[in-house]
């Protein structure tokens, strides 16, 4: 920690970062353009990829439903509705649970467009420094802003005007996340895979170092590393929980499918739908394990220490959710803290990287991330009783965040005790 503080105070990291950038080969051929043109062309590229993709899906759906004599104009509406659903908006047809797999694809597309814009602007900057291009004030901000505004405008028009999306508080929160996360990744992430923090991230850390001290800047970097390991722990816990639920609830799932007139066709169709919501199912597992539980409808709420006997949607994976409370259900509350503790101090070098500042920042980041994933795992899936479905946002965010934070803090405390014990010998 001391060596990093000295480096930050002397500014050597920023100089090394800039030297590495100045020797990098000039990247995209668009680097000779104005920043507005760079951002606009990258936004256009992303919009074209998105438009073609959703139109192909909508046309395939139109041919599938051709027996219903749907007008050809329905293709545009369906394509816009698909964009609205992936963007997180609630739909006027009474569906508000976003297909999170499509949302992740949309996030990847936006991140790619903004990353390309950033690389083109960096190459532009090299040409400006070499005197090959005239300088433009705030070039990076102008280029990134142009790309973001154009893509966000297209998403809004396609989802809310062409499609059947409607404005709601939760929908607005989701849309802001869909737009903001790619901006943060593209602007603050490394220049390339495996590279150190980018120039903008370094500038932010240097600002933190000047205003709050180098220790807080180093703690910020360490907290991000803890968050990545915690996210991996969440994924492992969720996958294991989902596999166990599918294995133990296989008979219940088969019974749910057998209620359809064509069980095989229903199994295939529902399997595709469930795949679109696969990340949501992982959040369901986290919420259930944390004790916050899952709303299956307006009256049925499943959790490890409560029973529910209400009717649930005839979706196979939902039939696998345990409905009976067990005597040891409260033991599930220890899963997240244990997993988080291992993610925080599972290796000696991880424990050496922690201090109280890192723990505080990591806890804040964990609570923010828990809230974000909870917002994307709730929403109506139909009228009446199914207007309440998914994880209870506040309860899930609090339970997942608190359990994880407790594990990180406990792991740090145990590492301190172990260090003292070894020092006393």
Protein backbone atom coordinates (compact mmCIF):
# COMPACT_ATOMS: atom_id res chain seq x y z
CA UNK A 1 0.00 0.00 0.00
CA UNK A 2 2.85 2.42 0.79
CA UNK A 3 4.55 1.96 -2.57
CA UNK A 4 1.32 2.70 -4.45
CA UNK A 5 0.76 5.84 -2.37
CA UNK A 6 4.26 7.13 -3.21
CA UNK A 7 3.74 6.40 -6.90
CA UNK A 8 0.46 8.26 -6.90
CA UNK A 9 1.92 11.26 -5.07
CA UNK A 10 4.80 11.50 -7.58
CA UNK A 11 2.53 11.13 -10.59
CA UNK A 12 4.64 8.32 -12.09
CA UNK A 13 1.64 6.14 -12.86
CA UNK A 14 -0.06 8.82 -14.92
CA UNK A 15 3.17 9.46 -16.86
CA UNK A 16 3.71 5.78 -17.56
CA UNK A 17 0.09 5.42 -18.64
CA UNK A 18 0.39 8.33 -21.08
CA UNK A 19 3.72 7.03 -22.44
CA UNK A 20 2.14 3.65 -23.14
CA UNK A 21 -0.73 5.35 -24.94
CA UNK A 22 1.57 7.57 -27.01
CA UNK A 23 3.41 4.53 -28.39
CA UNK A 24 0.21 2.64 -29.22
CA UNK A 25 -0.49 2.17 -32.95
CA UNK A 26 -3.20 4.43 -34.34
CA UNK A 27 -6.45 2.45 -34.26
CA UNK A 28 -9.64 3.02 -36.20
CA UNK A 29 -9.50 4.75 -39.60
CA UNK A 30 -12.24 7.09 -38.36
CA UNK A 31 -9.62 8.82 -36.20
CA UNK A 32 -9.22 11.59 -38.78
CA UNK A 33 -12.86 12.68 -38.30
CA UNK A 34 -14.40 15.30 -36.06
CA UNK A 35 -15.39 13.95 -32.60
CA UNK A 36 -19.08 14.44 -33.38
CA UNK A 37 -18.73 12.40 -36.56
CA UNK A 38 -16.84 9.66 -34.70
CA UNK A 39 -19.57 9.36 -32.06
CA UNK A 40 -22.37 9.55 -34.64
CA UNK A 41 -20.90 6.86 -36.90
CA UNK A 42 -20.29 4.45 -34.03
CA UNK A 43 -23.82 5.07 -32.77
CA UNK A 44 -25.15 4.44 -36.28
CA UNK A 45 -23.24 1.18 -36.46
CA UNK A 46 -24.74 -0.01 -33.16
CA UNK A 47 -28.25 1.12 -34.17
CA UNK A 48 -28.04 -0.75 -37.49
CA UNK A 49 -26.95 -3.96 -35.75
CA UNK A 50 -29.77 -3.59 -33.22
CA UNK A 51 -32.40 -2.75 -35.85
CA UNK A 52 -31.50 -5.66 -38.12
CA UNK A 53 -31.48 -8.10 -35.18
CA UNK A 54 -34.89 -7.14 -33.80
CA UNK A 55 -36.45 -6.96 -37.27
CA UNK A 56 -35.28 -10.48 -38.06
CA UNK A 57 -36.79 -11.75 -34.80
CA UNK A 58 -40.03 -9.81 -35.42
CA UNK A 59 -40.34 -11.13 -38.99
CA UNK A 60 -39.79 -14.68 -37.76
CA UNK A 61 -42.52 -14.15 -35.16
CA UNK A 62 -44.83 -12.72 -37.86
CA UNK A 63 -44.38 -15.82 -40.04
CA UNK A 64 -44.98 -18.04 -37.00
CA UNK A 65 -48.24 -16.21 -36.29
CA UNK A 66 -49.26 -15.88 -39.94
CA UNK A 67 -52.36 -17.98 -39.31
CA UNK A 68 -53.64 -15.15 -37.08
CA UNK A 69 -53.61 -12.81 -40.13
CA UNK A 70 -51.52 -10.16 -38.42
CA UNK A 71 -50.86 -7.09 -40.63
CA UNK A 72 -47.32 -6.59 -41.86
CA UNK A 73 -47.16 -3.34 -39.87
CA UNK A 74 -47.17 -5.49 -36.72
CA UNK A 75 -43.53 -6.33 -37.45
CA UNK A 76 -42.41 -2.80 -36.58
CA UNK A 77 -44.51 -2.78 -33.41
CA UNK A 78 -43.12 -6.12 -32.30
CA UNK A 79 -39.55 -5.02 -33.04
CA UNK A 80 -40.03 -1.84 -31.00
CA UNK A 81 -41.61 -3.85 -28.20
CA UNK A 82 -38.60 -6.16 -28.15
CA UNK A 83 -36.30 -3.14 -27.77
CA UNK A 84 -38.57 -1.74 -25.05
CA UNK A 85 -38.47 -5.02 -23.12
CA UNK A 86 -34.68 -5.32 -23.42
CA UNK A 87 -34.31 -1.68 -22.31
CA UNK A 88 -36.23 -2.41 -19.12
CA UNK A 89 -39.50 -0.61 -19.83
CA UNK A 90 -42.82 -2.04 -18.71
CA UNK A 91 -45.17 -2.96 -21.56
CA UNK A 92 -48.78 -1.88 -22.01
CA UNK A 93 -49.75 -5.57 -22.34
CA UNK A 94 -49.18 -5.98 -18.60
CA UNK A 95 -45.64 -7.39 -18.70
CA UNK A 96 -42.93 -5.62 -16.75
CA UNK A 97 -40.31 -8.30 -16.08
CA UNK A 98 -37.47 -7.62 -18.54
CA UNK A 99 -35.87 -10.50 -20.48
CA UNK A 100 -32.50 -9.98 -18.86
CA UNK A 101 -30.53 -12.10 -21.34
CA UNK A 102 -31.60 -9.65 -24.07
CA UNK A 103 -30.74 -6.77 -21.73
CA UNK A 104 -27.20 -8.13 -21.33
CA UNK A 105 -26.87 -8.40 -25.12
CA UNK A 106 -28.02 -4.78 -25.43
CA UNK A 107 -25.51 -3.72 -22.77
CA UNK A 108 -22.72 -5.50 -24.66
CA UNK A 109 -23.70 -3.75 -27.90
CA UNK A 110 -23.71 -0.31 -26.29
CA UNK A 111 -20.41 -0.98 -24.50
CA UNK A 112 -18.80 -2.05 -27.79
CA UNK A 113 -19.98 1.12 -29.56
CA UNK A 114 -18.73 3.40 -26.78
CA UNK A 115 -15.41 1.54 -26.50
CA UNK A 116 -14.81 1.93 -30.22
CA UNK A 117 -15.64 5.61 -29.92
CA UNK A 118 -13.16 5.97 -27.08
CA UNK A 119 -10.39 4.25 -29.03
CA UNK A 120 -11.04 6.39 -32.10
CA UNK A 121 -10.94 9.54 -29.97
CA UNK A 122 -7.66 8.41 -28.38
CA UNK A 123 -6.16 7.90 -31.83
CA UNK A 124 -7.49 11.32 -32.83
CA UNK A 125 -5.71 12.82 -29.85
CA UNK A 126 -2.40 11.33 -30.99
CA UNK A 127 -2.87 12.90 -34.42
CA UNK A 128 -3.63 16.24 -32.78
CA UNK A 129 -0.45 16.02 -30.69
CA UNK A 130 1.55 15.23 -33.85
CA UNK A 131 0.07 18.25 -35.60
CA UNK A 132 -1.86 16.21 -38.19
CA UNK A 133 -5.27 17.44 -36.99
CA UNK A 134 -6.54 20.69 -35.50
CA UNK A 135 -7.41 20.48 -31.83
CA UNK A 136 -11.03 20.37 -30.68
CA UNK A 137 -11.91 21.49 -27.18
CA UNK A 138 -13.47 18.76 -25.02
CA UNK A 139 -13.15 16.32 -27.94
CA UNK A 140 -13.53 13.18 -25.82
CA UNK A 141 -16.60 14.50 -24.00
CA UNK A 142 -18.22 15.63 -27.25
CA UNK A 143 -17.61 12.31 -29.02
CA UNK A 144 -18.82 10.09 -26.18
CA UNK A 145 -21.84 12.32 -25.53
CA UNK A 146 -22.83 12.25 -29.20
CA UNK A 147 -22.73 8.46 -29.29
CA UNK A 148 -24.68 8.09 -26.02
CA UNK A 149 -27.36 10.64 -26.94
CA UNK A 150 -27.99 9.15 -30.38
CA UNK A 151 -28.28 5.58 -29.11
CA UNK A 152 -30.46 6.59 -26.13
CA UNK A 153 -32.75 8.58 -28.44
CA UNK A 154 -33.20 5.61 -30.77
CA UNK A 155 -33.94 3.31 -27.84
CA UNK A 156 -36.53 5.73 -26.44
CA UNK A 157 -38.29 6.26 -29.78
CA UNK A 158 -38.25 2.56 -30.68
CA UNK A 159 -39.41 1.39 -27.25
CA UNK A 160 -41.94 4.04 -26.23
CA UNK A 161 -43.23 5.33 -29.59
CA UNK A 162 -42.92 2.44 -32.04
CA UNK A 163 -43.20 -0.33 -29.46
CA UNK A 164 -45.60 -0.83 -26.57
CA UNK A 165 -43.36 0.35 -23.76
CA UNK A 166 -44.74 2.71 -21.14
CA UNK A 167 -43.08 5.07 -18.70
CA UNK A 168 -42.88 4.01 -15.05
CA UNK A 169 -40.56 4.67 -12.14
CA UNK A 170 -38.99 1.21 -12.29
CA UNK A 171 -38.74 1.38 -16.07
CA UNK A 172 -36.94 4.73 -15.91
CA UNK A 173 -34.51 3.35 -13.33
CA UNK A 174 -33.76 0.33 -15.52
CA UNK A 175 -33.27 2.46 -18.63
CA UNK A 176 -30.83 4.73 -16.81
CA UNK A 177 -28.84 1.66 -15.76
CA UNK A 178 -28.85 0.31 -19.34
CA UNK A 179 -27.41 3.61 -20.60
CA UNK A 180 -25.10 4.43 -17.68
CA UNK A 181 -23.35 1.06 -17.23
CA UNK A 182 -21.86 0.94 -20.77
CA UNK A 183 -20.68 4.55 -20.35
CA UNK A 184 -18.90 3.68 -17.10
CA UNK A 185 -17.34 0.54 -18.54
CA UNK A 186 -16.21 2.22 -21.76
CA UNK A 187 -14.89 5.39 -20.13
CA UNK A 188 -13.38 4.05 -16.90
CA UNK A 189 -12.33 0.59 -18.01
CA UNK A 190 -8.84 -0.31 -19.27
CA UNK A 191 -7.76 0.59 -22.78
CA UNK A 192 -7.64 -3.11 -23.65
CA UNK A 193 -8.06 -6.46 -21.90
CA UNK A 194 -5.38 -6.99 -19.27
CA UNK A 195 -4.18 -3.38 -19.40
CA UNK A 196 -4.01 -1.13 -16.31
CA UNK A 197 -6.63 1.49 -15.53
CA UNK A 198 -7.37 3.84 -18.43
CA UNK A 199 -6.44 7.51 -18.55
CA UNK A 200 -9.89 8.70 -17.44
CA UNK A 201 -10.01 6.24 -14.57
CA UNK A 202 -6.50 7.29 -13.59
CA UNK A 203 -7.55 10.95 -13.66
CA UNK A 204 -10.48 10.11 -11.38
CA UNK A 205 -8.25 8.23 -8.95
CA UNK A 206 -5.75 11.09 -8.95
CA UNK A 207 -8.58 13.49 -8.09
CA UNK A 208 -9.59 11.24 -5.19
CA UNK A 209 -5.95 11.12 -4.06
CA UNK A 210 -5.65 14.93 -4.07
CA UNK A 211 -8.91 15.54 -2.24
CA UNK A 212 -9.12 12.59 0.16
CA UNK A 213 -5.64 11.13 0.23
CA UNK A 214 -3.77 8.44 -1.66
CA UNK A 215 -5.04 5.79 0.78
CA UNK A 216 -8.63 6.33 -0.40
CA UNK A 217 -7.58 6.14 -4.05
CA UNK A 218 -5.83 2.82 -3.42
CA UNK A 219 -8.84 1.63 -1.41
CA UNK A 220 -11.09 2.43 -4.38
CA UNK A 221 -9.05 0.18 -6.66
CA UNK A 222 -8.98 -2.58 -4.04
CA UNK A 223 -12.76 -2.27 -3.48
CA UNK A 224 -13.38 -2.83 -7.20
CA UNK A 225 -11.29 -6.00 -7.04
CA UNK A 226 -13.30 -7.19 -4.04
CA UNK A 227 -16.53 -6.41 -5.92
CA UNK A 228 -15.44 -8.53 -8.89
CA UNK A 229 -14.71 -11.48 -6.60
CA UNK A 230 -18.01 -10.98 -4.78
CA UNK A 231 -19.85 -10.96 -8.11
CA UNK A 232 -18.16 -14.27 -8.95
CA UNK A 233 -19.27 -15.64 -5.56
CA UNK A 234 -22.85 -14.50 -6.27
CA UNK A 235 -22.76 -16.28 -9.63
CA UNK A 236 -21.45 -19.51 -8.10
CA UNK A 237 -24.04 -19.50 -5.31
CA UNK A 238 -26.83 -18.76 -7.80
CA UNK A 239 -25.80 -21.46 -10.25
CA UNK A 240 -25.44 -24.08 -7.54
CA UNK A 241 -28.79 -23.12 -6.05
CA UNK A 242 -30.49 -23.22 -9.44
CA UNK A 243 -29.04 -26.64 -10.28
CA UNK A 244 -30.12 -28.05 -6.91
CA UNK A 245 -33.63 -26.61 -7.35
CA UNK A 246 -33.95 -28.10 -10.84
CA UNK A 247 -32.77 -31.53 -9.71
CA UNK A 248 -34.94 -31.72 -6.60
CA UNK A 249 -37.96 -30.16 -8.32
CA UNK A 250 -37.83 -32.13 -11.55
CA UNK A 251 -41.07 -33.98 -10.87
CA UNK A 252 -42.91 -30.76 -10.09
CA UNK A 253 -41.62 -29.24 -13.33
CA UNK A 254 -42.77 -32.25 -15.33
CA UNK A 255 -46.20 -31.99 -13.72
CA UNK A 256 -46.42 -28.32 -14.68
CA UNK A 257 -45.65 -29.09 -18.33
CA UNK A 258 -48.08 -32.04 -18.45
CA UNK A 259 -50.98 -29.64 -17.89
CA UNK A 260 -50.61 -28.24 -21.42
CA UNK A 261 -52.46 -29.77 -24.38
CA UNK A 262 -49.13 -30.34 -26.20
CA UNK A 263 -46.54 -30.95 -23.46
CA UNK A 264 -43.58 -31.37 -25.84
CA UNK A 265 -44.30 -28.17 -27.73
CA UNK A 266 -44.94 -26.35 -24.46
CA UNK A 267 -41.65 -27.61 -23.01
CA UNK A 268 -39.70 -26.32 -26.00
CA UNK A 269 -41.47 -22.95 -26.07
CA UNK A 270 -41.26 -22.42 -22.34
CA UNK A 271 -37.63 -23.53 -22.38
CA UNK A 272 -36.79 -20.73 -24.81
CA UNK A 273 -38.69 -18.19 -22.71
CA UNK A 274 -36.96 -19.36 -19.53
CA UNK A 275 -33.59 -19.02 -21.25
CA UNK A 276 -34.34 -15.36 -22.00
CA UNK A 277 -34.87 -14.87 -18.27
CA UNK A 278 -31.88 -16.96 -17.14
CA UNK A 279 -30.05 -14.07 -15.39
CA UNK A 280 -33.32 -13.19 -13.63
CA UNK A 281 -33.55 -16.73 -12.31
CA UNK A 282 -30.08 -16.39 -10.82
CA UNK A 283 -31.22 -13.25 -8.99
CA UNK A 284 -34.27 -15.18 -7.79
CA UNK A 285 -31.94 -17.74 -6.21
CA UNK A 286 -29.91 -15.00 -4.51
CA UNK A 287 -33.07 -13.38 -3.16
CA UNK A 288 -34.42 -16.69 -1.90
CA UNK A 289 -31.13 -17.66 -0.24
CA UNK A 290 -30.80 -14.21 1.37
CA UNK A 291 -34.20 -14.64 3.03
CA UNK A 292 -35.97 -11.89 1.09
CA UNK A 293 -37.83 -14.51 -0.92
CA UNK A 294 -39.74 -14.32 -4.20
CA UNK A 295 -43.25 -13.06 -5.00
CA UNK A 296 -44.94 -15.72 -7.14
CA UNK A 297 -48.14 -13.69 -7.31
CA UNK A 298 -49.97 -11.14 -5.20
CA UNK A 299 -50.51 -13.59 -2.31
CA UNK A 300 -47.83 -16.28 -2.66
CA UNK A 301 -44.37 -15.49 -1.31
CA UNK A 302 -41.67 -18.17 -1.26
CA UNK A 303 -38.71 -18.04 1.11
CA UNK A 304 -36.55 -20.60 2.96
CA UNK A 305 -38.50 -20.21 6.20
CA UNK A 306 -42.08 -19.64 5.06
CA UNK A 307 -44.72 -21.76 3.38
CA UNK A 308 -47.00 -20.78 0.52
CA UNK A 309 -49.77 -22.81 -1.07
CA UNK A 310 -51.12 -20.31 -3.60
CA UNK A 311 -51.36 -20.96 -7.32
CA UNK A 312 -48.24 -20.03 -9.29
CA UNK A 313 -47.76 -19.43 -13.04
CA UNK A 314 -47.52 -22.69 -15.00
CA UNK A 315 -43.86 -22.16 -15.83
CA UNK A 316 -41.70 -25.24 -15.15
CA UNK A 317 -38.80 -23.49 -13.41
CA UNK A 318 -41.18 -21.75 -10.99
CA UNK A 319 -42.57 -25.13 -9.99
CA UNK A 320 -39.09 -26.04 -8.76
CA UNK A 321 -39.15 -23.31 -6.09
CA UNK A 322 -39.54 -24.94 -2.64
CA UNK A 323 -42.93 -24.24 -1.13
CA UNK A 324 -42.50 -25.84 2.29
CA UNK A 325 -40.52 -24.36 5.14
CA UNK A 326 -37.88 -26.66 6.57
CA UNK A 327 -36.63 -26.77 10.14
CA UNK A 328 -33.18 -25.70 8.96
CA UNK A 329 -34.35 -23.05 6.53
CA UNK A 330 -32.69 -20.31 8.53
CA UNK A 331 -29.33 -21.92 7.80
CA UNK A 332 -29.57 -20.62 4.24
CA UNK A 333 -28.99 -17.13 5.61
CA UNK A 334 -25.35 -18.09 6.23
CA UNK A 335 -24.67 -18.95 2.58
CA UNK A 336 -24.09 -15.41 1.32
CA UNK A 337 -21.90 -14.25 4.24
CA UNK A 338 -19.70 -17.34 3.95
CA UNK A 339 -19.35 -16.97 0.18
CA UNK A 340 -18.59 -13.25 0.51
CA UNK A 341 -16.03 -13.87 3.25
CA UNK A 342 -14.21 -16.39 1.07
CA UNK A 343 -14.30 -13.94 -1.86
CA UNK A 344 -12.84 -11.21 0.35
CA UNK A 345 -10.04 -13.05 2.17
CA UNK A 346 -9.88 -16.48 0.56
CA UNK A 347 -6.20 -15.95 -0.25
CA UNK A 348 -3.49 -14.32 1.87
CA UNK A 349 -2.78 -11.62 -0.72
CA UNK A 350 -6.49 -10.76 -0.81
CA UNK A 351 -6.49 -10.29 2.95
CA UNK A 352 -3.34 -8.14 2.77
CA UNK A 353 -5.13 -5.89 0.27
CA UNK A 354 -7.92 -5.03 2.74
CA UNK A 355 -8.20 -2.21 5.23
CA UNK A 356 -11.16 -0.41 6.75
CA UNK A 357 -11.42 2.01 3.83
CA UNK A 358 -11.56 -0.84 1.34
CA UNK A 359 -14.23 -2.59 3.38
CA UNK A 360 -16.38 0.56 3.59
CA UNK A 361 -16.17 1.21 -0.15
CA UNK A 362 -16.77 -2.45 -0.99
CA UNK A 363 -19.90 -2.49 1.18
CA UNK A 364 -21.25 0.59 -0.61
CA UNK A 365 -20.58 -0.95 -4.02
CA UNK A 366 -22.20 -4.22 -2.97
CA UNK A 367 -25.37 -2.44 -1.82
CA UNK A 368 -25.57 -0.50 -5.09
CA UNK A 369 -25.13 -3.62 -7.20
CA UNK A 370 -27.67 -5.56 -5.11
CA UNK A 371 -30.21 -2.80 -5.70
CA UNK A 372 -29.55 -2.74 -9.46
CA UNK A 373 -29.96 -6.48 -9.97
CA UNK A 374 -33.09 -6.49 -7.81
CA UNK A 375 -34.69 -3.77 -9.94
CA UNK A 376 -34.22 -5.97 -13.02
CA UNK A 377 -35.79 -9.01 -11.31
CA UNK A 378 -39.22 -7.60 -10.51
CA UNK A 379 -42.29 -6.62 -12.48
CA UNK A 380 -45.73 -7.87 -13.52
CA UNK A 381 -46.09 -10.82 -15.88
CA UNK A 382 -49.83 -10.49 -16.35
CA UNK A 383 -52.98 -8.84 -15.01
CA UNK A 384 -54.62 -9.10 -11.60
CA UNK A 385 -52.63 -11.21 -9.15
CA UNK A 386 -49.67 -11.55 -11.47
CA UNK A 387 -49.17 -7.80 -11.29
CA UNK A 388 -46.97 -8.61 -8.28
CA UNK A 389 -44.15 -10.90 -9.28
CA UNK A 390 -40.40 -11.31 -8.77
CA UNK A 391 -38.15 -10.22 -5.95
CA UNK A 392 -39.25 -7.54 -3.47
CA UNK A 393 -36.79 -4.83 -4.49
CA UNK A 394 -36.08 -3.12 -1.19
CA UNK A 395 -36.11 -6.32 0.86
CA UNK A 396 -33.94 -8.20 -1.64
CA UNK A 397 -31.45 -5.35 -2.07
CA UNK A 398 -31.17 -5.00 1.71
CA UNK A 399 -30.90 -8.73 2.42
CA UNK A 400 -28.44 -9.53 -0.38
CA UNK A 401 -26.39 -6.43 0.34
CA UNK A 402 -26.41 -6.89 4.11
CA UNK A 403 -25.51 -10.58 3.95
CA UNK A 404 -22.67 -9.94 1.53
CA UNK A 405 -21.41 -6.91 3.46
CA UNK A 406 -21.45 -8.91 6.69
CA UNK A 407 -19.35 -11.60 5.04
CA UNK A 408 -16.78 -9.11 3.72
CA UNK A 409 -16.52 -7.34 7.09
CA UNK A 410 -16.33 -10.63 9.00
CA UNK A 411 -13.64 -11.93 6.67
CA UNK A 412 -11.57 -8.80 7.19
CA UNK A 413 -12.02 -9.07 10.97
CA UNK A 414 -10.94 -12.70 10.99
CA UNK A 415 -7.89 -11.85 8.89
CA UNK A 416 -6.92 -9.19 11.45
CA UNK A 417 -7.27 -11.68 14.29
CA UNK A 418 -5.17 -14.22 12.39
CA UNK A 419 -2.47 -11.61 11.78
CA UNK A 420 -2.38 -10.69 15.45
CA UNK A 421 -2.23 -14.33 16.50
CA UNK A 422 0.70 -15.00 14.18
CA UNK A 423 2.47 -11.85 15.41
CA UNK A 424 2.11 -12.93 19.04
CA UNK A 425 3.84 -16.24 18.47
